[in-house]
């Protein structure tokens, strides 16, 4: 899939780390470090603008290493970039640790996965088809 990108950052275009990677790391594009205090959140700019094909979205997901080692995650996980959005990609990070965390220019802050999606057309009915699960919800299969 070809995706148009305008890169106004000081960094290379996002790329896959391995041949089987689903996500590409995005980097902070900031003039000075951002200090995230415990439970504080910040919008971190990337300097990237993309034009996705119709029927696709970009999902912004946390980096597992940042989450495990530092308690830094994407607040609205996954963040969604719609195909008709043309603004700069910004990432809402939150510090869930008990220590300050410094975000520096060029730091890998999240990963972006491009995914296809369907547009729904609702079909109004009176009853839904029955299944073995039925209305069983949260915890219905036990511990």
Protein backbone atom coordinates (compact mmCIF):
# COMPACT_ATOMS: atom_id res chain seq x y z
CA UNK A 1 0.00 0.00 0.00
CA UNK A 2 1.33 3.43 -0.87
CA UNK A 3 0.70 6.25 1.61
CA UNK A 4 1.55 9.88 0.95
CA UNK A 5 3.57 11.56 3.70
CA UNK A 6 4.77 15.10 4.39
CA UNK A 7 7.67 14.94 6.83
CA UNK A 8 8.37 18.31 8.47
CA UNK A 9 10.30 16.67 11.30
CA UNK A 10 14.04 16.53 11.81
CA UNK A 11 13.90 12.74 11.49
CA UNK A 12 13.58 10.04 8.82
CA UNK A 13 10.21 8.69 7.71
CA UNK A 14 8.76 5.98 9.96
CA UNK A 15 9.93 2.49 8.97
CA UNK A 16 9.52 -1.13 10.01
CA UNK A 17 12.23 -2.49 12.34
CA UNK A 18 11.93 -6.06 11.04
CA UNK A 19 10.40 -7.72 7.99
CA UNK A 20 7.47 -9.03 10.10
CA UNK A 21 6.79 -5.83 12.07
CA UNK A 22 3.18 -4.64 12.04
CA UNK A 23 3.98 -1.20 13.43
CA UNK A 24 6.41 1.58 12.65
CA UNK A 25 7.94 3.63 15.46
CA UNK A 26 7.08 7.34 15.49
CA UNK A 27 9.53 9.84 16.98
CA UNK A 28 9.01 12.96 19.05
CA UNK A 29 9.67 16.12 17.05
CA UNK A 30 10.12 18.72 19.78
CA UNK A 31 12.36 21.74 20.29
CA UNK A 32 13.04 21.06 23.97
CA UNK A 33 12.53 18.05 26.26
CA UNK A 34 9.14 17.42 27.84
CA UNK A 35 9.14 16.30 31.47
CA UNK A 36 6.16 14.06 32.19
CA UNK A 37 5.49 13.90 35.93
CA UNK A 38 3.63 10.93 37.43
CA UNK A 39 0.03 10.79 36.14
CA UNK A 40 0.70 13.77 33.84
CA UNK A 41 -0.14 13.66 30.13
CA UNK A 42 1.15 15.62 27.15
CA UNK A 43 0.49 15.94 23.44
CA UNK A 44 3.77 15.13 21.69
CA UNK A 45 4.12 16.30 18.09
CA UNK A 46 5.77 14.17 15.39
CA UNK A 47 6.11 16.58 12.45
CA UNK A 48 4.36 13.99 10.25
CA UNK A 49 1.31 14.45 8.03
CA UNK A 50 -0.18 11.54 6.08
CA UNK A 51 -2.81 10.92 3.42
CA UNK A 52 -4.28 7.46 3.92
CA UNK A 53 -6.31 5.62 1.28
CA UNK A 54 -10.07 5.45 1.83
CA UNK A 55 -10.99 2.39 3.89
CA UNK A 56 -7.85 2.56 6.05
CA UNK A 57 -6.88 4.09 9.37
CA UNK A 58 -3.64 4.58 11.26
CA UNK A 59 -3.69 3.18 14.78
CA UNK A 60 -1.37 4.78 17.35
CA UNK A 61 -0.27 2.24 19.94
CA UNK A 62 2.12 2.22 22.89
CA UNK A 63 5.66 0.89 22.61
CA UNK A 64 5.92 -2.12 24.89
CA UNK A 65 9.42 -1.23 26.11
CA UNK A 66 8.39 2.28 27.21
CA UNK A 67 5.32 0.85 28.94
CA UNK A 68 7.16 -1.93 30.78
CA UNK A 69 10.35 -0.09 31.71
CA UNK A 70 8.99 3.41 32.33
CA UNK A 71 5.18 3.25 32.66
CA UNK A 72 4.74 5.49 29.59
CA UNK A 73 1.76 4.68 27.40
CA UNK A 74 -0.59 6.20 24.82
CA UNK A 75 -3.60 7.54 26.71
CA UNK A 76 -6.31 6.88 24.11
CA UNK A 77 -5.03 3.49 23.01
CA UNK A 78 -5.36 2.87 20.22
CA UNK A 79 -5.48 6.38 18.89
CA UNK A 80 -7.14 6.56 15.47
CA UNK A 81 -6.06 8.69 12.52
CA UNK A 82 -8.86 8.76 9.96
CA UNK A 83 -8.18 8.71 6.23
CA UNK A 84 -9.56 12.24 5.81
CA UNK A 85 -7.38 13.84 8.55
CA UNK A 86 -4.62 16.06 7.16
CA UNK A 87 -3.19 17.64 10.31
CA UNK A 88 0.03 16.85 12.11
CA UNK A 89 0.12 13.54 13.94
CA UNK A 90 0.22 14.18 17.67
CA UNK A 91 0.48 11.49 20.32
CA UNK A 92 -1.09 11.75 23.79
CA UNK A 93 1.36 10.16 26.22
CA UNK A 94 0.74 9.58 29.94
CA UNK A 95 3.16 8.70 32.69
CA UNK A 96 1.67 5.92 34.84
CA UNK A 97 4.85 5.49 36.89
CA UNK A 98 5.84 7.15 40.15
CA UNK A 99 8.90 8.87 38.59
CA UNK A 100 9.38 11.81 36.21
CA UNK A 101 10.07 10.81 32.61
CA UNK A 102 11.90 12.98 30.08
CA UNK A 103 10.85 12.86 26.42
CA UNK A 104 13.62 14.04 24.10
CA UNK A 105 13.61 15.07 20.46
CA UNK A 106 13.93 12.00 18.24
CA UNK A 107 12.82 9.57 20.93
CA UNK A 108 10.62 6.71 19.74
CA UNK A 109 7.32 7.41 21.51
CA UNK A 110 4.77 5.04 19.97
CA UNK A 111 4.09 2.75 17.06
CA UNK A 112 1.74 3.27 14.15
CA UNK A 113 -0.14 0.43 12.46
CA UNK A 114 -2.02 1.00 9.19
CA UNK A 115 -5.20 -1.10 9.08
CA UNK A 116 -8.11 -1.60 6.72
CA UNK A 117 -11.63 -1.18 8.03
CA UNK A 118 -15.20 -1.51 6.83
CA UNK A 119 -17.91 1.12 6.74
CA UNK A 120 -21.06 -0.18 8.42
CA UNK A 121 -24.57 0.06 7.01
CA UNK A 122 -27.01 -0.77 9.83
CA UNK A 123 -29.73 -3.35 9.17
CA UNK A 124 -32.58 -2.81 11.64
CA UNK A 125 -34.06 -6.10 12.98
CA UNK A 126 -36.31 -7.11 15.87
CA UNK A 127 -34.20 -10.02 17.19
CA UNK A 128 -30.61 -11.18 16.82
CA UNK A 129 -29.58 -14.73 15.90
CA UNK A 130 -29.04 -16.91 18.99
CA UNK A 131 -25.57 -18.28 19.91
CA UNK A 132 -24.21 -20.63 22.60
CA UNK A 133 -22.79 -17.60 24.43
CA UNK A 134 -25.97 -15.56 24.21
CA UNK A 135 -25.86 -12.53 26.49
CA UNK A 136 -22.92 -13.78 28.59
CA UNK A 137 -20.55 -10.88 29.11
CA UNK A 138 -17.76 -9.90 31.47
CA UNK A 139 -16.40 -12.97 33.25
CA UNK A 140 -19.10 -15.30 31.96
CA UNK A 141 -16.62 -18.16 31.39
CA UNK A 142 -15.28 -18.07 34.95
CA UNK A 143 -11.89 -17.17 36.39
